[in-house]
Amino acid sequence: MTQLADLKTAFLRDPDHRAAYAALAPEYDLARKLVVARTAAGLSQTEVAERMGTQQSEVSRIEGARQNVSLAKLARYAQAVGTKLEIHLDPIQADSG
């Protein structure tokens, strides 16, 4: 049986695939952080949706990085899970390769 890690390694051998994957990294990092915050708060997507005044499907879309999300909506999500939204701009590191 092929492991997911093996498929990812093979996929990333292609420079175009690697560039596309890297371009999506910020969105997936945000999605991962949202899910971590929600689970740390012990909340389901439905509970977060109720706190935000929206539907569970909207919370799923926010966490799934499948849409552009406004800062206001991210702030509402953060408040619903008992956190606050902070945005950091970090300098890009020069590629040493």
C-alpha atoms as a PDB file:
ATOM      1  CA  MET A   1       0.000   0.000   0.000  1.00  0.00           C
ATOM      2  CA  THR A   2       1.319   3.427  -0.956  1.00  0.00           C
ATOM      3  CA  GLN A   3       1.683   5.811   1.954  1.00  0.00           C
ATOM      4  CA  LEU A   4       0.575   9.439   1.729  1.00  0.00           C
ATOM      5  CA  ALA A   5       4.117  10.581   2.589  1.00  0.00           C
ATOM      6  CA  ASP A   6       5.467   8.588  -0.386  1.00  0.00           C
ATOM      7  CA  LEU A   7       2.948  10.187  -2.735  1.00  0.00           C
ATOM      8  CA  LYS A   8       3.823  13.647  -1.435  1.00  0.00           C
ATOM      9  CA  THR A   9       7.537  13.003  -1.902  1.00  0.00           C
ATOM     10  CA  ALA A  10       6.976  11.862  -5.477  1.00  0.00           C
ATOM     11  CA  PHE A  11       4.678  14.820  -6.182  1.00  0.00           C
ATOM     12  CA  LEU A  12       7.208  17.335  -4.860  1.00  0.00           C
ATOM     13  CA  ARG A  13       9.997  16.055  -7.100  1.00  0.00           C
ATOM     14  CA  ASP A  14       8.482  18.071  -9.938  1.00  0.00           C
ATOM     15  CA  PRO A  15       9.618  21.729  -9.669  1.00  0.00           C
ATOM     16  CA  ASP A  16       6.229  23.051 -10.859  1.00  0.00           C
ATOM     17  CA  HIS A  17       4.389  20.946  -8.294  1.00  0.00           C
ATOM     18  CA  ARG A  18       6.807  22.040  -5.580  1.00  0.00           C
ATOM     19  CA  ALA A  19       6.231  25.727  -6.443  1.00  0.00           C
ATOM     20  CA  ALA A  20       2.438  25.306  -6.447  1.00  0.00           C
ATOM     21  CA  TYR A  21       2.568  23.481  -3.120  1.00  0.00           C
ATOM     22  CA  ALA A  22       4.745  26.201  -1.584  1.00  0.00           C
ATOM     23  CA  ALA A  23       2.385  28.910  -2.843  1.00  0.00           C
ATOM     24  CA  LEU A  24      -0.489  27.308  -0.911  1.00  0.00           C
ATOM     25  CA  ALA A  25       1.465  26.933   2.325  1.00  0.00           C
ATOM     26  CA  PRO A  26       0.123  30.120   4.008  1.00  0.00           C
ATOM     27  CA  GLU A  27      -3.513  29.110   3.436  1.00  0.00           C
ATOM     28  CA  TYR A  28      -2.972  25.598   4.755  1.00  0.00           C
ATOM     29  CA  ASP A  29      -1.007  26.909   7.725  1.00  0.00           C
ATOM     30  CA  LEU A  30      -3.920  29.197   8.610  1.00  0.00           C
ATOM     31  CA  ALA A  31      -6.430  26.350   8.211  1.00  0.00           C
ATOM     32  CA  ARG A  32      -4.334  24.130  10.486  1.00  0.00           C
ATOM     33  CA  LYS A  33      -4.147  26.868  13.138  1.00  0.00           C
ATOM     34  CA  LEU A  34      -7.902  27.410  13.026  1.00  0.00           C
ATOM     35  CA  VAL A  35      -8.615  23.729  13.586  1.00  0.00           C
ATOM     36  CA  VAL A  36      -6.058  23.565  16.408  1.00  0.00           C
ATOM     37  CA  ALA A  37      -7.652  26.580  18.124  1.00  0.00           C
ATOM     38  CA  ARG A  38     -11.138  25.106  17.800  1.00  0.00           C
ATOM     39  CA  THR A  39     -10.171  21.681  19.104  1.00  0.00           C
ATOM     40  CA  ALA A  40      -8.157  23.222  21.942  1.00  0.00           C
ATOM     41  CA  ALA A  41     -11.330  25.070  22.939  1.00  0.00           C
ATOM     42  CA  GLY A  42     -13.183  21.755  22.904  1.00  0.00           C
ATOM     43  CA  LEU A  43     -15.689  22.986  20.338  1.00  0.00           C
ATOM     44  CA  SER A  44     -17.289  21.355  17.322  1.00  0.00           C
ATOM     45  CA  GLN A  45     -17.749  23.201  14.055  1.00  0.00           C
ATOM     46  CA  THR A  46     -21.454  23.414  14.849  1.00  0.00           C
ATOM     47  CA  GLU A  47     -20.753  25.070  18.195  1.00  0.00           C
ATOM     48  CA  VAL A  48     -18.389  27.576  16.580  1.00  0.00           C
ATOM     49  CA  ALA A  49     -21.012  28.319  13.942  1.00  0.00           C
ATOM     50  CA  GLU A  50     -23.627  28.979  16.618  1.00  0.00           C
ATOM     51  CA  ARG A  51     -21.273  31.382  18.376  1.00  0.00           C
ATOM     52  CA  MET A  52     -20.541  33.141  15.075  1.00  0.00           C
ATOM     53  CA  GLY A  53     -24.199  33.292  14.065  1.00  0.00           C
ATOM     54  CA  THR A  54     -23.617  31.255  10.920  1.00  0.00           C
ATOM     55  CA  GLN A  55     -23.924  27.706   9.598  1.00  0.00           C
ATOM     56  CA  GLN A  56     -21.575  24.771  10.245  1.00  0.00           C
ATOM     57  CA  SER A  57     -20.861  24.613   6.500  1.00  0.00           C
ATOM     58  CA  GLU A  58     -19.421  28.150   6.666  1.00  0.00           C
ATOM     59  CA  VAL A  59     -17.067  27.114   9.483  1.00  0.00           C
ATOM     60  CA  SER A  60     -16.049  24.103   7.399  1.00  0.00           C
ATOM     61  CA  ARG A  61     -15.253  26.366   4.423  1.00  0.00           C
ATOM     62  CA  ILE A  62     -13.228  28.705   6.654  1.00  0.00           C
ATOM     63  CA  GLU A  63     -11.227  25.835   8.134  1.00  0.00           C
ATOM     64  CA  GLY A  64     -10.806  24.118   4.791  1.00  0.00           C
ATOM     65  CA  ALA A  65      -9.044  27.066   3.161  1.00  0.00           C
ATOM     66  CA  ARG A  66     -11.491  26.779   0.260  1.00  0.00           C
ATOM     67  CA  GLN A  67     -12.493  30.427   0.107  1.00  0.00           C
ATOM     68  CA  ASN A  68     -11.157  33.900   0.625  1.00  0.00           C
ATOM     69  CA  VAL A  69     -12.034  34.849   4.189  1.00  0.00           C
ATOM     70  CA  SER A  70     -12.333  38.435   5.387  1.00  0.00           C
ATOM     71  CA  LEU A  71     -10.384  39.629   8.378  1.00  0.00           C
ATOM     72  CA  ALA A  72     -13.682  40.427  10.096  1.00  0.00           C
ATOM     73  CA  LYS A  73     -14.828  36.825   9.679  1.00  0.00           C
ATOM     74  CA  LEU A  74     -11.501  35.499  10.962  1.00  0.00           C
ATOM     75  CA  ALA A  75     -11.803  37.802  13.974  1.00  0.00           C
ATOM     76  CA  ARG A  76     -15.322  36.480  14.658  1.00  0.00           C
ATOM     77  CA  TYR A  77     -14.020  32.913  14.395  1.00  0.00           C
ATOM     78  CA  ALA A  78     -11.170  33.707  16.785  1.00  0.00           C
ATOM     79  CA  GLN A  79     -13.572  35.240  19.294  1.00  0.00           C
ATOM     80  CA  ALA A  80     -15.901  32.224  18.989  1.00  0.00           C
ATOM     81  CA  VAL A  81     -13.062  29.861  19.964  1.00  0.00           C
ATOM     82  CA  GLY A  82     -11.793  32.118  22.755  1.00  0.00           C
ATOM     83  CA  THR A  83      -8.718  33.487  21.028  1.00  0.00           C
ATOM     84  CA  LYS A  84      -7.768  36.712  19.290  1.00  0.00           C
ATOM     85  CA  LEU A  85      -6.676  37.317  15.740  1.00  0.00           C
ATOM     86  CA  GLU A  86      -3.133  38.596  15.260  1.00  0.00           C
ATOM     87  CA  ILE A  87      -1.420  39.138  11.932  1.00  0.00           C
ATOM     88  CA  HIS A  88       2.334  39.055  11.591  1.00  0.00           C
ATOM     89  CA  LEU A  89       4.383  40.039   8.582  1.00  0.00           C
ATOM     90  CA  ASP A  90       7.703  38.235   8.631  1.00  0.00           C
ATOM     91  CA  PRO A  91      10.620  38.984   6.330  1.00  0.00           C
ATOM     92  CA  ILE A  92      11.186  36.480   3.549  1.00  0.00           C
ATOM     93  CA  GLN A  93      14.328  34.476   4.086  1.00  0.00           C
ATOM     94  CA  ALA A  94      16.734  34.347   1.175  1.00  0.00           C
ATOM     95  CA  ASP A  95      17.038  30.889  -0.349  1.00  0.00           C
ATOM     96  CA  SER A  96      20.401  29.483   0.678  1.00  0.00           C
ATOM     97  CA  GLY A  97      20.264  26.719  -1.940  1.00  0.00           C
END
